């Protein structure tokens, strides 16, 4: 799944290299790859483009994932994905 958005919290509350950005579903970490993380996209917002590997998508139920960030002691959870 491709995730792309602008956000003011990512401008200030994330490690400058995005290492503390992580995604989870049902308590399990998801493989992901940051395509672009530009913390200085504008004076008030950062830009994030990331690929997130979703193990299963239902045709009848919503699929909810959670994005985590703001842990300045966290190492990268990023994994290069084979597309």
C-alpha atoms as a PDB file:
ATOM      1  CA  UNK A   1       0.000   0.000   0.000  1.00  0.00           C
ATOM      2  CA  UNK A   2       1.297   3.453  -0.834  1.00  0.00           C
ATOM      3  CA  UNK A   3       0.870   6.077   1.869  1.00  0.00           C
ATOM      4  CA  UNK A   4       1.424   9.702   0.928  1.00  0.00           C
ATOM      5  CA  UNK A   5       0.581  12.799   2.942  1.00  0.00           C
ATOM      6  CA  UNK A   6       1.695  16.112   4.408  1.00  0.00           C
ATOM      7  CA  UNK A   7       1.619  16.553   8.185  1.00  0.00           C
ATOM      8  CA  UNK A   8       2.663  19.245  10.656  1.00  0.00           C
ATOM      9  CA  UNK A   9       3.506  16.771  13.457  1.00  0.00           C
ATOM     10  CA  UNK A  10       6.070  15.038  11.228  1.00  0.00           C
ATOM     11  CA  UNK A  11       7.753  18.420  10.757  1.00  0.00           C
ATOM     12  CA  UNK A  12       8.904  18.562  14.385  1.00  0.00           C
ATOM     13  CA  UNK A  13       8.149  15.311  16.255  1.00  0.00           C
ATOM     14  CA  UNK A  14      10.184  12.804  14.199  1.00  0.00           C
ATOM     15  CA  UNK A  15      13.858  11.939  13.866  1.00  0.00           C
ATOM     16  CA  UNK A  16      15.288  13.906  10.947  1.00  0.00           C
ATOM     17  CA  UNK A  17      15.983  10.682   8.998  1.00  0.00           C
ATOM     18  CA  UNK A  18      12.543   9.197   9.759  1.00  0.00           C
ATOM     19  CA  UNK A  19      14.020   6.161  11.521  1.00  0.00           C
ATOM     20  CA  UNK A  20      11.337   6.287  14.199  1.00  0.00           C
ATOM     21  CA  UNK A  21       8.472   6.027  11.697  1.00  0.00           C
ATOM     22  CA  UNK A  22       6.929   2.562  11.923  1.00  0.00           C
ATOM     23  CA  UNK A  23       3.646   0.895  10.997  1.00  0.00           C
ATOM     24  CA  UNK A  24       1.709  -1.862  12.760  1.00  0.00           C
ATOM     25  CA  UNK A  25      -1.479  -3.862  12.312  1.00  0.00           C
ATOM     26  CA  UNK A  26      -3.091  -5.936  15.058  1.00  0.00           C
ATOM     27  CA  UNK A  27      -0.007  -5.508  17.252  1.00  0.00           C
ATOM     28  CA  UNK A  28       2.438  -6.734  14.590  1.00  0.00           C
ATOM     29  CA  UNK A  29       5.090  -4.545  12.995  1.00  0.00           C
ATOM     30  CA  UNK A  30       4.657  -4.188   9.238  1.00  0.00           C
ATOM     31  CA  UNK A  31       7.495  -4.133   6.741  1.00  0.00           C
ATOM     32  CA  UNK A  32       7.769  -0.734   5.137  1.00  0.00           C
ATOM     33  CA  UNK A  33      10.029   1.372   2.995  1.00  0.00           C
ATOM     34  CA  UNK A  34      10.236   5.159   3.087  1.00  0.00           C
ATOM     35  CA  UNK A  35      10.164   6.369  -0.486  1.00  0.00           C
ATOM     36  CA  UNK A  36      10.473  10.003   0.594  1.00  0.00           C
ATOM     37  CA  UNK A  37      10.643  11.749   3.939  1.00  0.00           C
ATOM     38  CA  UNK A  38      11.122  15.505   3.634  1.00  0.00           C
ATOM     39  CA  UNK A  39      10.916  17.065   7.071  1.00  0.00           C
ATOM     40  CA  UNK A  40      11.400  20.546   5.620  1.00  0.00           C
ATOM     41  CA  UNK A  41       8.819  20.268   2.820  1.00  0.00           C
ATOM     42  CA  UNK A  42       7.336  23.600   3.889  1.00  0.00           C
ATOM     43  CA  UNK A  43       7.632  25.950   6.821  1.00  0.00           C
ATOM     44  CA  UNK A  44       4.888  24.057   8.654  1.00  0.00           C
ATOM     45  CA  UNK A  45       4.639  20.553   7.177  1.00  0.00           C
ATOM     46  CA  UNK A  46       6.719  17.489   6.374  1.00  0.00           C
ATOM     47  CA  UNK A  47       6.049  15.154   3.446  1.00  0.00           C
ATOM     48  CA  UNK A  48       5.942  11.376   3.799  1.00  0.00           C
ATOM     49  CA  UNK A  49       5.675   8.809   1.035  1.00  0.00           C
ATOM     50  CA  UNK A  50       6.000   5.214   2.205  1.00  0.00           C
ATOM     51  CA  UNK A  51       5.262   1.719   0.958  1.00  0.00           C
ATOM     52  CA  UNK A  52       3.729  -0.500   3.643  1.00  0.00           C
ATOM     53  CA  UNK A  53       3.390  -4.249   3.143  1.00  0.00           C
ATOM     54  CA  UNK A  54      -0.101  -5.277   4.260  1.00  0.00           C
ATOM     55  CA  UNK A  55      -0.261  -9.066   4.760  1.00  0.00           C
ATOM     56  CA  UNK A  56      -3.993  -9.370   4.080  1.00  0.00           C
ATOM     57  CA  UNK A  57      -6.725  -7.086   2.749  1.00  0.00           C
ATOM     58  CA  UNK A  58     -10.322  -8.085   3.326  1.00  0.00           C
ATOM     59  CA  UNK A  59     -12.977  -7.464   0.721  1.00  0.00           C
ATOM     60  CA  UNK A  60     -15.654  -6.948   3.401  1.00  0.00           C
ATOM     61  CA  UNK A  61     -13.888  -5.485   6.476  1.00  0.00           C
ATOM     62  CA  UNK A  62     -11.894  -2.302   6.952  1.00  0.00           C
ATOM     63  CA  UNK A  63      -8.138  -2.747   7.246  1.00  0.00           C
ATOM     64  CA  UNK A  64      -6.705  -0.484   9.944  1.00  0.00           C
ATOM     65  CA  UNK A  65      -3.013   0.189  10.382  1.00  0.00           C
ATOM     66  CA  UNK A  66      -1.310   2.426  12.920  1.00  0.00           C
ATOM     67  CA  UNK A  67       1.652   4.690  12.249  1.00  0.00           C
ATOM     68  CA  UNK A  68       4.084   5.300  15.109  1.00  0.00           C
ATOM     69  CA  UNK A  69       6.643   8.101  15.370  1.00  0.00           C
ATOM     70  CA  UNK A  70       8.233  10.413  17.914  1.00  0.00           C
ATOM     71  CA  UNK A  71      10.499   7.906  19.689  1.00  0.00           C
ATOM     72  CA  UNK A  72      13.879   9.597  19.452  1.00  0.00           C
ATOM     73  CA  UNK A  73      15.766   6.548  20.764  1.00  0.00           C
ATOM     74  CA  UNK A  74      14.218   4.092  18.271  1.00  0.00           C
ATOM     75  CA  UNK A  75      16.337   2.592  15.511  1.00  0.00           C
ATOM     76  CA  UNK A  76      15.049   2.107  12.004  1.00  0.00           C
ATOM     77  CA  UNK A  77      12.382  -0.566  11.461  1.00  0.00           C
ATOM     78  CA  UNK A  78      12.493   0.061   7.714  1.00  0.00           C
ATOM     79  CA  UNK A  79      12.967  -2.903   5.391  1.00  0.00           C
ATOM     80  CA  UNK A  80      13.536  -2.563   1.658  1.00  0.00           C
ATOM     81  CA  UNK A  81      10.524  -4.185   0.008  1.00  0.00           C
ATOM     82  CA  UNK A  82      10.514  -6.319  -3.108  1.00  0.00           C
ATOM     83  CA  UNK A  83       7.765  -4.994  -5.325  1.00  0.00           C
END
